[in-house]
N, C-alpha and C. Protein backbone atom coordinates (compact mmCIF):
# COMPACT_ATOMS: atom_id res chain seq x y z
N MET A 1 -14.87 14.98 -3.33
CA MET A 1 -14.53 13.57 -3.07
C MET A 1 -14.31 13.36 -1.58
N LYS A 2 -14.87 12.24 -1.07
CA LYS A 2 -14.66 11.90 0.34
C LYS A 2 -13.19 11.54 0.58
N GLN A 3 -12.78 11.67 1.83
CA GLN A 3 -11.42 11.27 2.21
C GLN A 3 -11.24 9.78 1.94
N PRO A 4 -10.13 9.37 1.30
CA PRO A 4 -9.93 7.95 1.03
C PRO A 4 -9.74 7.14 2.31
N PHE A 5 -10.00 5.86 2.21
CA PHE A 5 -9.60 4.91 3.23
C PHE A 5 -8.17 4.48 2.90
N GLY A 6 -7.49 3.89 3.86
CA GLY A 6 -6.11 3.46 3.63
C GLY A 6 -5.94 1.98 3.92
N VAL A 7 -5.10 1.32 3.12
CA VAL A 7 -4.78 -0.08 3.39
C VAL A 7 -3.26 -0.25 3.32
N ILE A 8 -2.71 -0.86 4.36
CA ILE A 8 -1.28 -1.17 4.42
C ILE A 8 -1.10 -2.60 3.93
N LEU A 9 -0.30 -2.76 2.88
CA LEU A 9 -0.12 -4.08 2.28
C LEU A 9 1.02 -4.83 2.98
N ALA A 10 0.67 -5.93 3.63
CA ALA A 10 1.68 -6.74 4.32
C ALA A 10 1.39 -8.22 4.10
N GLY A 11 0.85 -8.53 2.92
CA GLY A 11 0.45 -9.91 2.64
C GLY A 11 1.51 -10.76 1.98
N GLY A 12 2.69 -10.17 1.74
CA GLY A 12 3.76 -10.90 1.04
C GLY A 12 4.43 -11.95 1.91
N LEU A 13 5.31 -12.72 1.29
CA LEU A 13 5.97 -13.83 2.00
C LEU A 13 7.33 -13.46 2.57
N ALA A 14 7.85 -12.25 2.24
CA ALA A 14 9.14 -11.77 2.77
C ALA A 14 10.27 -12.77 2.57
N THR A 15 10.31 -13.39 1.39
CA THR A 15 11.31 -14.45 1.15
C THR A 15 12.74 -13.93 1.23
N ARG A 16 12.98 -12.69 0.78
CA ARG A 16 14.36 -12.18 0.81
C ARG A 16 14.81 -11.79 2.23
N MET A 17 13.84 -11.75 3.15
CA MET A 17 14.20 -11.51 4.55
C MET A 17 14.21 -12.81 5.33
N GLY A 18 14.09 -13.93 4.63
CA GLY A 18 14.08 -15.23 5.30
C GLY A 18 12.70 -15.66 5.76
N GLY A 19 11.65 -15.03 5.22
CA GLY A 19 10.27 -15.38 5.57
C GLY A 19 9.81 -14.66 6.83
N GLY A 20 8.58 -14.96 7.24
CA GLY A 20 8.00 -14.33 8.44
C GLY A 20 7.31 -13.02 8.10
N ASP A 21 6.95 -12.28 9.15
CA ASP A 21 6.22 -11.03 8.99
C ASP A 21 7.17 -9.86 8.85
N LYS A 22 7.25 -9.29 7.67
CA LYS A 22 8.09 -8.11 7.49
C LYS A 22 7.54 -6.94 8.33
N ALA A 23 6.21 -6.93 8.47
CA ALA A 23 5.55 -5.85 9.22
C ALA A 23 6.06 -5.76 10.66
N SER A 24 6.52 -6.89 11.20
CA SER A 24 6.97 -6.93 12.61
C SER A 24 8.46 -6.61 12.78
N LEU A 25 9.20 -6.47 11.67
CA LEU A 25 10.62 -6.12 11.79
C LEU A 25 10.77 -4.79 12.51
N MET A 26 11.80 -4.69 13.34
CA MET A 26 12.00 -3.47 14.12
C MET A 26 12.96 -2.53 13.41
N LEU A 27 12.61 -1.25 13.42
CA LEU A 27 13.44 -0.19 12.84
C LEU A 27 13.34 1.02 13.76
N GLY A 28 14.48 1.45 14.29
CA GLY A 28 14.46 2.62 15.17
C GLY A 28 13.58 2.43 16.38
N GLY A 29 13.52 1.21 16.89
CA GLY A 29 12.75 0.95 18.12
C GLY A 29 11.26 0.72 17.91
N GLN A 30 10.78 0.74 16.66
CA GLN A 30 9.37 0.41 16.42
C GLN A 30 9.23 -0.43 15.16
N SER A 31 8.13 -1.14 15.05
CA SER A 31 7.95 -2.06 13.92
C SER A 31 7.74 -1.29 12.62
N LEU A 32 8.04 -1.95 11.51
CA LEU A 32 7.78 -1.34 10.20
C LEU A 32 6.31 -0.99 10.06
N LEU A 33 5.44 -1.85 10.62
CA LEU A 33 4.01 -1.57 10.57
C LEU A 33 3.68 -0.27 11.31
N SER A 34 4.30 -0.08 12.48
CA SER A 34 4.06 1.16 13.24
C SER A 34 4.48 2.40 12.46
N HIS A 35 5.61 2.30 11.75
CA HIS A 35 6.05 3.43 10.91
C HIS A 35 5.00 3.75 9.86
N ALA A 36 4.46 2.71 9.21
CA ALA A 36 3.45 2.91 8.16
C ALA A 36 2.17 3.52 8.73
N VAL A 37 1.74 3.01 9.88
CA VAL A 37 0.52 3.53 10.51
C VAL A 37 0.70 5.00 10.86
N GLU A 38 1.84 5.32 11.45
CA GLU A 38 2.15 6.70 11.86
C GLU A 38 2.05 7.68 10.69
N ARG A 39 2.52 7.24 9.52
CA ARG A 39 2.52 8.12 8.34
C ARG A 39 1.17 8.18 7.64
N LEU A 40 0.49 7.04 7.56
CA LEU A 40 -0.74 7.01 6.76
C LEU A 40 -1.99 7.39 7.54
N GLU A 41 -2.07 7.01 8.80
CA GLU A 41 -3.32 7.21 9.56
C GLU A 41 -3.84 8.65 9.54
N PRO A 42 -2.95 9.67 9.69
CA PRO A 42 -3.48 11.04 9.69
C PRO A 42 -4.02 11.49 8.32
N GLN A 43 -3.73 10.73 7.27
CA GLN A 43 -4.10 11.14 5.91
C GLN A 43 -5.38 10.49 5.39
N VAL A 44 -5.95 9.53 6.15
CA VAL A 44 -7.07 8.75 5.63
C VAL A 44 -8.26 8.73 6.59
N ALA A 45 -9.42 8.31 6.06
CA ALA A 45 -10.66 8.28 6.86
C ALA A 45 -10.70 7.06 7.78
N GLY A 46 -10.00 6.01 7.41
CA GLY A 46 -9.96 4.78 8.20
C GLY A 46 -8.82 3.94 7.66
N LEU A 47 -8.31 3.02 8.48
CA LEU A 47 -7.10 2.29 8.10
C LEU A 47 -7.26 0.81 8.38
N ALA A 48 -6.82 -0.02 7.42
CA ALA A 48 -6.84 -1.47 7.59
C ALA A 48 -5.49 -2.03 7.15
N LEU A 49 -5.26 -3.28 7.52
CA LEU A 49 -4.03 -3.98 7.20
C LEU A 49 -4.36 -5.21 6.37
N ASN A 50 -3.71 -5.34 5.22
CA ASN A 50 -3.85 -6.57 4.42
C ASN A 50 -2.73 -7.52 4.83
N ALA A 51 -3.10 -8.64 5.46
CA ALA A 51 -2.13 -9.65 5.87
C ALA A 51 -2.83 -11.00 5.87
N ASN A 52 -2.07 -12.04 5.56
CA ASN A 52 -2.63 -13.38 5.53
C ASN A 52 -2.19 -14.16 6.77
N GLY A 53 -2.84 -15.30 7.01
CA GLY A 53 -2.54 -16.07 8.21
C GLY A 53 -3.41 -15.61 9.37
N ASP A 54 -3.00 -15.95 10.58
CA ASP A 54 -3.79 -15.67 11.78
C ASP A 54 -3.82 -14.17 12.08
N PRO A 55 -4.98 -13.52 11.97
CA PRO A 55 -5.05 -12.08 12.22
C PRO A 55 -4.78 -11.71 13.68
N ALA A 56 -4.88 -12.69 14.60
CA ALA A 56 -4.71 -12.41 16.03
C ALA A 56 -3.32 -11.84 16.33
N ARG A 57 -2.32 -12.15 15.48
CA ARG A 57 -0.96 -11.67 15.77
C ARG A 57 -0.87 -10.14 15.63
N PHE A 58 -1.87 -9.53 15.01
CA PHE A 58 -1.88 -8.07 14.88
C PHE A 58 -2.92 -7.41 15.80
N ALA A 59 -3.48 -8.18 16.73
CA ALA A 59 -4.56 -7.68 17.58
C ALA A 59 -4.15 -6.41 18.33
N ALA A 60 -2.90 -6.35 18.76
CA ALA A 60 -2.43 -5.20 19.56
C ALA A 60 -2.47 -3.89 18.77
N THR A 61 -2.48 -3.97 17.44
CA THR A 61 -2.47 -2.74 16.63
C THR A 61 -3.84 -2.07 16.59
N GLY A 62 -4.89 -2.86 16.85
CA GLY A 62 -6.25 -2.32 16.76
C GLY A 62 -6.73 -2.15 15.33
N LEU A 63 -5.91 -2.58 14.35
CA LEU A 63 -6.28 -2.42 12.94
C LEU A 63 -7.20 -3.55 12.49
N ARG A 64 -8.09 -3.25 11.58
CA ARG A 64 -8.88 -4.27 10.91
C ARG A 64 -7.92 -5.04 9.99
N VAL A 65 -7.89 -6.36 10.08
CA VAL A 65 -6.98 -7.17 9.26
C VAL A 65 -7.78 -7.82 8.14
N LEU A 66 -7.36 -7.57 6.90
CA LEU A 66 -8.03 -8.08 5.72
C LEU A 66 -7.14 -9.11 5.04
N SER A 67 -7.63 -10.33 4.86
CA SER A 67 -6.82 -11.33 4.15
C SER A 67 -7.10 -11.21 2.65
N ASP A 68 -6.21 -11.77 1.84
CA ASP A 68 -6.41 -11.76 0.39
C ASP A 68 -7.74 -12.43 0.05
N PRO A 69 -8.51 -11.86 -0.87
CA PRO A 69 -9.77 -12.50 -1.26
C PRO A 69 -9.59 -13.68 -2.20
N LEU A 70 -8.35 -13.91 -2.68
CA LEU A 70 -8.04 -15.06 -3.53
C LEU A 70 -6.92 -15.85 -2.86
N SER A 71 -6.93 -17.15 -3.02
CA SER A 71 -5.90 -17.98 -2.38
C SER A 71 -4.61 -18.00 -3.20
N GLY A 72 -3.55 -18.51 -2.59
CA GLY A 72 -2.29 -18.74 -3.30
C GLY A 72 -1.37 -17.54 -3.38
N HIS A 73 -1.54 -16.57 -2.50
CA HIS A 73 -0.67 -15.38 -2.47
C HIS A 73 -0.50 -14.73 -3.84
N PRO A 74 -1.61 -14.20 -4.41
CA PRO A 74 -1.51 -13.63 -5.76
C PRO A 74 -0.82 -12.26 -5.83
N GLY A 75 -0.36 -11.74 -4.70
CA GLY A 75 0.41 -10.50 -4.75
C GLY A 75 -0.38 -9.26 -4.34
N PRO A 76 0.24 -8.08 -4.51
CA PRO A 76 -0.36 -6.85 -3.99
C PRO A 76 -1.71 -6.47 -4.59
N LEU A 77 -1.98 -6.87 -5.83
CA LEU A 77 -3.29 -6.55 -6.40
C LEU A 77 -4.42 -7.16 -5.56
N ALA A 78 -4.17 -8.34 -5.01
CA ALA A 78 -5.19 -8.98 -4.17
C ALA A 78 -5.38 -8.19 -2.88
N GLY A 79 -4.30 -7.66 -2.35
CA GLY A 79 -4.41 -6.82 -1.15
C GLY A 79 -5.17 -5.53 -1.43
N ILE A 80 -4.94 -4.97 -2.62
CA ILE A 80 -5.68 -3.76 -3.02
C ILE A 80 -7.16 -4.08 -3.14
N LEU A 81 -7.48 -5.25 -3.73
CA LEU A 81 -8.88 -5.66 -3.84
C LEU A 81 -9.50 -5.84 -2.46
N ALA A 82 -8.76 -6.44 -1.53
CA ALA A 82 -9.27 -6.60 -0.16
C ALA A 82 -9.60 -5.23 0.44
N GLY A 83 -8.73 -4.25 0.19
CA GLY A 83 -8.96 -2.89 0.67
C GLY A 83 -10.19 -2.25 0.04
N LEU A 84 -10.37 -2.48 -1.27
CA LEU A 84 -11.52 -1.90 -1.97
C LEU A 84 -12.82 -2.52 -1.47
N ASP A 85 -12.82 -3.83 -1.26
CA ASP A 85 -14.03 -4.50 -0.73
C ASP A 85 -14.38 -3.95 0.65
N TRP A 86 -13.37 -3.76 1.49
CA TRP A 86 -13.59 -3.23 2.84
C TRP A 86 -14.11 -1.80 2.78
N ALA A 87 -13.47 -0.97 1.95
CA ALA A 87 -13.89 0.43 1.84
C ALA A 87 -15.32 0.54 1.32
N ALA A 88 -15.68 -0.33 0.37
CA ALA A 88 -17.05 -0.33 -0.16
C ALA A 88 -18.06 -0.61 0.96
N ALA A 89 -17.72 -1.58 1.81
CA ALA A 89 -18.61 -1.93 2.93
C ALA A 89 -18.71 -0.78 3.94
N GLU A 90 -17.66 0.05 4.00
CA GLU A 90 -17.63 1.19 4.93
C GLU A 90 -18.22 2.46 4.30
N GLY A 91 -18.65 2.37 3.04
CA GLY A 91 -19.23 3.53 2.36
C GLY A 91 -18.20 4.45 1.73
N GLY A 92 -16.98 3.94 1.54
CA GLY A 92 -15.92 4.76 0.94
C GLY A 92 -15.94 4.73 -0.57
N ASP A 93 -15.33 5.73 -1.20
CA ASP A 93 -15.24 5.82 -2.66
C ASP A 93 -13.88 5.40 -3.19
N THR A 94 -12.83 5.62 -2.36
CA THR A 94 -11.46 5.37 -2.80
C THR A 94 -10.64 4.79 -1.67
N VAL A 95 -9.53 4.16 -2.08
CA VAL A 95 -8.57 3.59 -1.13
C VAL A 95 -7.17 4.02 -1.57
N VAL A 96 -6.33 4.35 -0.59
CA VAL A 96 -4.91 4.55 -0.87
C VAL A 96 -4.16 3.36 -0.29
N SER A 97 -3.35 2.73 -1.14
CA SER A 97 -2.55 1.58 -0.70
C SER A 97 -1.11 2.00 -0.48
N VAL A 98 -0.48 1.41 0.54
CA VAL A 98 0.95 1.62 0.80
C VAL A 98 1.56 0.28 1.17
N ALA A 99 2.88 0.16 1.00
CA ALA A 99 3.58 -1.06 1.40
C ALA A 99 4.11 -0.89 2.83
N CYS A 100 4.05 -1.97 3.61
CA CYS A 100 4.48 -1.87 5.01
C CYS A 100 6.00 -1.79 5.14
N ASP A 101 6.73 -2.10 4.03
CA ASP A 101 8.20 -2.16 4.14
C ASP A 101 8.89 -0.90 3.62
N THR A 102 8.14 0.21 3.57
CA THR A 102 8.66 1.47 3.02
C THR A 102 8.48 2.56 4.07
N PRO A 103 9.37 2.62 5.06
CA PRO A 103 9.11 3.43 6.26
C PRO A 103 9.19 4.94 6.09
N PHE A 104 9.71 5.42 4.94
CA PHE A 104 9.90 6.86 4.78
C PHE A 104 8.97 7.47 3.73
N PHE A 105 7.87 6.77 3.40
CA PHE A 105 7.00 7.29 2.33
C PHE A 105 6.44 8.67 2.74
N PRO A 106 6.10 9.51 1.74
CA PRO A 106 5.77 10.91 2.04
C PRO A 106 4.55 11.09 2.94
N CYS A 107 4.66 12.08 3.81
CA CYS A 107 3.54 12.41 4.71
C CYS A 107 2.43 13.17 3.98
N ASP A 108 2.70 13.55 2.72
CA ASP A 108 1.65 14.17 1.90
C ASP A 108 1.26 13.25 0.74
N LEU A 109 1.44 11.95 0.93
CA LEU A 109 1.13 10.98 -0.13
C LEU A 109 -0.30 11.13 -0.62
N VAL A 110 -1.25 11.10 0.31
CA VAL A 110 -2.67 11.10 -0.07
C VAL A 110 -3.07 12.38 -0.80
N PRO A 111 -2.76 13.59 -0.26
CA PRO A 111 -3.15 14.79 -1.01
C PRO A 111 -2.53 14.88 -2.39
N GLN A 112 -1.30 14.41 -2.54
CA GLN A 112 -0.64 14.47 -3.86
C GLN A 112 -1.28 13.48 -4.84
N LEU A 113 -1.65 12.30 -4.37
CA LEU A 113 -2.34 11.35 -5.23
C LEU A 113 -3.72 11.89 -5.64
N LEU A 114 -4.42 12.50 -4.70
CA LEU A 114 -5.74 13.09 -5.00
C LEU A 114 -5.60 14.20 -6.04
N LEU A 115 -4.57 15.00 -5.89
CA LEU A 115 -4.31 16.10 -6.82
C LEU A 115 -4.06 15.56 -8.23
N ALA A 116 -3.25 14.51 -8.31
CA ALA A 116 -2.93 13.92 -9.62
C ALA A 116 -4.17 13.35 -10.30
N ALA A 117 -5.12 12.84 -9.51
CA ALA A 117 -6.31 12.19 -10.07
C ALA A 117 -7.49 13.15 -10.24
N GLU A 118 -7.27 14.42 -9.97
CA GLU A 118 -8.36 15.40 -10.03
C GLU A 118 -9.05 15.37 -11.40
N GLY A 119 -10.39 15.36 -11.37
CA GLY A 119 -11.15 15.40 -12.62
C GLY A 119 -11.41 14.04 -13.25
N MET A 120 -10.80 12.99 -12.72
CA MET A 120 -11.03 11.64 -13.27
C MET A 120 -12.36 11.10 -12.75
N GLY A 121 -13.13 10.46 -13.62
CA GLY A 121 -14.37 9.82 -13.19
C GLY A 121 -14.10 8.71 -12.18
N ALA A 122 -13.06 7.93 -12.46
CA ALA A 122 -12.63 6.85 -11.56
C ALA A 122 -11.19 7.18 -11.15
N PRO A 123 -11.01 7.93 -10.04
CA PRO A 123 -9.68 8.44 -9.68
C PRO A 123 -8.67 7.34 -9.39
N LEU A 124 -7.60 7.30 -10.21
CA LEU A 124 -6.58 6.28 -10.07
C LEU A 124 -5.23 6.94 -10.35
N ALA A 125 -4.36 6.91 -9.37
CA ALA A 125 -3.04 7.52 -9.53
C ALA A 125 -2.01 6.70 -8.77
N LEU A 126 -0.80 6.61 -9.35
CA LEU A 126 0.31 5.89 -8.72
C LEU A 126 1.43 6.86 -8.39
N ALA A 127 2.11 6.61 -7.29
CA ALA A 127 3.25 7.45 -6.90
C ALA A 127 4.45 7.14 -7.78
N ALA A 128 5.31 8.15 -7.95
CA ALA A 128 6.56 7.98 -8.70
C ALA A 128 7.62 8.88 -8.08
N SER A 129 8.87 8.49 -8.23
CA SER A 129 10.00 9.33 -7.81
C SER A 129 11.19 8.95 -8.68
N ARG A 130 12.03 9.93 -8.97
CA ARG A 130 13.24 9.70 -9.79
C ARG A 130 12.93 8.95 -11.09
N GLY A 131 11.79 9.28 -11.70
CA GLY A 131 11.43 8.68 -12.98
C GLY A 131 10.95 7.24 -12.90
N ARG A 132 10.69 6.75 -11.68
CA ARG A 132 10.27 5.36 -11.49
C ARG A 132 8.95 5.30 -10.74
N ARG A 133 8.03 4.50 -11.26
CA ARG A 133 6.74 4.36 -10.57
C ARG A 133 6.84 3.39 -9.39
N HIS A 134 5.99 3.63 -8.40
CA HIS A 134 5.91 2.75 -7.23
C HIS A 134 4.46 2.28 -7.15
N PRO A 135 4.12 1.25 -7.93
CA PRO A 135 2.71 0.91 -8.15
C PRO A 135 1.90 0.56 -6.90
N VAL A 136 2.55 0.03 -5.84
CA VAL A 136 1.75 -0.32 -4.67
C VAL A 136 1.39 0.91 -3.84
N PHE A 137 1.93 2.07 -4.19
CA PHE A 137 1.53 3.33 -3.55
C PHE A 137 0.57 4.02 -4.51
N GLY A 138 -0.72 3.78 -4.31
CA GLY A 138 -1.68 4.28 -5.28
C GLY A 138 -3.01 4.66 -4.67
N LEU A 139 -3.75 5.43 -5.44
CA LEU A 139 -5.14 5.81 -5.14
C LEU A 139 -6.02 4.98 -6.07
N TRP A 140 -6.97 4.25 -5.49
CA TRP A 140 -7.79 3.30 -6.25
C TRP A 140 -9.27 3.58 -6.02
N PRO A 141 -10.07 3.62 -7.11
CA PRO A 141 -11.51 3.83 -6.94
C PRO A 141 -12.24 2.53 -6.61
N VAL A 142 -13.13 2.59 -5.64
CA VAL A 142 -13.94 1.43 -5.27
C VAL A 142 -14.73 0.92 -6.47
N SER A 143 -15.07 1.82 -7.38
CA SER A 143 -15.87 1.43 -8.56
C SER A 143 -15.15 0.43 -9.46
N LEU A 144 -13.84 0.28 -9.30
CA LEU A 144 -13.08 -0.66 -10.15
C LEU A 144 -12.93 -2.05 -9.53
N ARG A 145 -13.55 -2.29 -8.39
CA ARG A 145 -13.25 -3.57 -7.73
C ARG A 145 -13.75 -4.77 -8.52
N GLY A 146 -14.85 -4.64 -9.26
CA GLY A 146 -15.33 -5.74 -10.11
C GLY A 146 -14.32 -6.05 -11.20
N ALA A 147 -13.80 -5.00 -11.83
CA ALA A 147 -12.80 -5.17 -12.89
C ALA A 147 -11.51 -5.76 -12.33
N LEU A 148 -11.14 -5.35 -11.11
CA LEU A 148 -9.92 -5.88 -10.51
C LEU A 148 -10.07 -7.35 -10.14
N ARG A 149 -11.23 -7.70 -9.61
CA ARG A 149 -11.47 -9.12 -9.27
C ARG A 149 -11.39 -9.98 -10.54
N ALA A 150 -12.00 -9.50 -11.62
CA ALA A 150 -11.97 -10.24 -12.89
C ALA A 150 -10.54 -10.37 -13.41
N ALA A 151 -9.77 -9.29 -13.30
CA ALA A 151 -8.37 -9.31 -13.77
C ALA A 151 -7.56 -10.33 -12.98
N LEU A 152 -7.75 -10.36 -11.65
CA LEU A 152 -7.03 -11.32 -10.81
C LEU A 152 -7.43 -12.75 -11.16
N GLU A 153 -8.72 -12.95 -11.39
CA GLU A 153 -9.19 -14.31 -11.69
C GLU A 153 -8.66 -14.82 -13.03
N ARG A 154 -8.33 -13.89 -13.94
CA ARG A 154 -7.76 -14.36 -15.21
C ARG A 154 -6.23 -14.33 -15.19
N GLY A 155 -5.65 -14.11 -14.00
CA GLY A 155 -4.21 -14.26 -13.85
C GLY A 155 -3.39 -12.99 -13.85
N GLU A 156 -4.03 -11.80 -13.89
CA GLU A 156 -3.27 -10.55 -13.86
C GLU A 156 -2.61 -10.40 -12.49
N ARG A 157 -1.32 -10.06 -12.49
CA ARG A 157 -0.60 -9.89 -11.21
C ARG A 157 0.15 -8.56 -11.15
N LYS A 158 0.28 -7.87 -12.27
CA LYS A 158 1.07 -6.64 -12.30
C LYS A 158 0.21 -5.42 -11.98
N VAL A 159 0.55 -4.77 -10.87
CA VAL A 159 -0.23 -3.61 -10.41
C VAL A 159 -0.21 -2.50 -11.48
N ALA A 160 0.98 -2.21 -12.01
CA ALA A 160 1.11 -1.11 -12.98
C ALA A 160 0.31 -1.40 -14.24
N ALA A 161 0.28 -2.65 -14.69
CA ALA A 161 -0.45 -3.02 -15.90
C ALA A 161 -1.95 -2.79 -15.71
N PHE A 162 -2.44 -3.16 -14.54
CA PHE A 162 -3.87 -2.95 -14.26
C PHE A 162 -4.18 -1.45 -14.23
N ALA A 163 -3.31 -0.69 -13.56
CA ALA A 163 -3.51 0.77 -13.47
C ALA A 163 -3.50 1.41 -14.85
N GLU A 164 -2.56 1.01 -15.68
CA GLU A 164 -2.46 1.57 -17.05
C GLU A 164 -3.71 1.26 -17.85
N ALA A 165 -4.21 0.04 -17.71
CA ALA A 165 -5.40 -0.37 -18.46
C ALA A 165 -6.63 0.46 -18.08
N HIS A 166 -6.56 1.10 -16.91
CA HIS A 166 -7.70 1.89 -16.43
C HIS A 166 -7.38 3.38 -16.34
N GLY A 167 -6.40 3.81 -17.14
CA GLY A 167 -6.12 5.25 -17.26
C GLY A 167 -5.43 5.87 -16.07
N GLY A 168 -4.70 5.07 -15.30
CA GLY A 168 -4.02 5.59 -14.11
C GLY A 168 -3.04 6.71 -14.43
N ARG A 169 -3.01 7.70 -13.58
CA ARG A 169 -2.07 8.82 -13.73
C ARG A 169 -0.89 8.66 -12.77
N GLU A 170 0.04 9.60 -12.85
CA GLU A 170 1.24 9.53 -12.01
C GLU A 170 1.32 10.75 -11.11
N ALA A 171 1.68 10.53 -9.87
CA ALA A 171 1.96 11.63 -8.94
C ALA A 171 3.45 11.56 -8.63
N ALA A 172 4.22 12.54 -9.12
CA ALA A 172 5.67 12.53 -8.94
C ALA A 172 6.05 13.20 -7.62
N PHE A 173 6.90 12.56 -6.86
CA PHE A 173 7.36 13.08 -5.58
C PHE A 173 8.85 13.40 -5.67
N PRO A 174 9.27 14.54 -5.10
CA PRO A 174 10.69 14.89 -5.12
C PRO A 174 11.49 13.92 -4.24
N ALA A 175 12.72 13.66 -4.65
CA ALA A 175 13.59 12.77 -3.87
C ALA A 175 15.00 13.34 -3.91
N PRO A 176 15.21 14.52 -3.28
CA PRO A 176 16.53 15.15 -3.34
C PRO A 176 17.61 14.37 -2.59
N GLY A 177 17.23 13.74 -1.48
CA GLY A 177 18.19 12.93 -0.72
C GLY A 177 17.82 11.47 -0.87
N LEU A 178 17.46 10.85 0.24
CA LEU A 178 17.00 9.47 0.22
C LEU A 178 15.65 9.40 -0.51
N ASP A 179 15.50 8.43 -1.39
CA ASP A 179 14.21 8.26 -2.06
C ASP A 179 13.17 7.91 -0.99
N PRO A 180 12.05 8.67 -0.91
CA PRO A 180 11.05 8.37 0.12
C PRO A 180 10.41 7.00 -0.05
N PHE A 181 10.58 6.40 -1.23
CA PHE A 181 10.00 5.08 -1.49
C PHE A 181 11.03 3.96 -1.37
N PHE A 182 12.14 4.26 -0.70
CA PHE A 182 13.15 3.23 -0.39
C PHE A 182 12.46 2.13 0.41
N ASN A 183 12.57 0.88 -0.08
CA ASN A 183 11.89 -0.18 0.65
C ASN A 183 12.87 -1.25 1.13
N ILE A 184 12.43 -1.93 2.17
CA ILE A 184 13.30 -2.88 2.88
C ILE A 184 12.98 -4.30 2.42
N ASN A 185 13.90 -4.86 1.62
CA ASN A 185 13.72 -6.22 1.11
C ASN A 185 14.71 -7.20 1.71
N THR A 186 15.86 -6.69 2.16
CA THR A 186 16.94 -7.56 2.64
C THR A 186 17.46 -7.04 3.99
N PRO A 187 18.21 -7.86 4.71
CA PRO A 187 18.83 -7.38 5.96
C PRO A 187 19.72 -6.15 5.72
N ALA A 188 20.38 -6.08 4.55
CA ALA A 188 21.23 -4.91 4.24
C ALA A 188 20.39 -3.65 4.12
N ASP A 189 19.19 -3.77 3.53
CA ASP A 189 18.29 -2.60 3.42
C ASP A 189 17.87 -2.13 4.80
N LEU A 190 17.60 -3.09 5.69
CA LEU A 190 17.19 -2.73 7.05
C LEU A 190 18.32 -1.97 7.76
N ALA A 191 19.56 -2.43 7.56
CA ALA A 191 20.72 -1.74 8.15
C ALA A 191 20.84 -0.33 7.58
N GLU A 192 20.57 -0.17 6.28
CA GLU A 192 20.65 1.15 5.65
C GLU A 192 19.58 2.10 6.23
N ALA A 193 18.40 1.56 6.44
CA ALA A 193 17.31 2.35 7.03
C ALA A 193 17.66 2.75 8.46
N GLU A 194 18.28 1.85 9.21
CA GLU A 194 18.70 2.17 10.59
C GLU A 194 19.71 3.32 10.56
N ALA A 195 20.60 3.30 9.57
CA ALA A 195 21.61 4.36 9.45
C ALA A 195 20.95 5.71 9.16
N VAL A 196 19.87 5.69 8.39
CA VAL A 196 19.14 6.94 8.09
C VAL A 196 18.56 7.55 9.36
N LEU A 197 18.08 6.68 10.24
CA LEU A 197 17.44 7.15 11.48
C LEU A 197 18.46 7.52 12.56
N ALA A 198 19.68 7.02 12.40
CA ALA A 198 20.71 7.21 13.45
C ALA A 198 21.08 8.68 13.61
């Protein structure tokens, strides 16, 4: 299997943070987006950012910016589809998706997802820790993009439900201390993350 492409999902509305770009929030002197790029870029063949609105605001990152292929902010599944469409155009077979608001996700995310999906005709695996799945951290086959587009068009919004319907497996990650999938939804979460880095 070829090395997957990577897509950082930052298309949400960040309502619990008061709106705006969560990707631009600063943590430990760098943006949440920079943390995600730092962790994912070494693990993938190419990297893009799923974000809506004016892509020029991310020009300094040098990342390809992919907007949702469906209007009305349909959620992370639309960002995954944007990543699959982009990877298909680049000749890729698979995409690994990550959330931009999860700065401590594992540095071996991609190899562990690939391992979990070994032997699958259409490799699909979701990350899990402490008995809980993290559906936006997943390995997705480009071959499913037609099925994903159809699911979105008929109103499917749950990432885990789509993955289950297509035989998705689980890649469990150890979390002895801080859960590596701790994500930043509120100002209190951001303060907690700052304390981890302190």
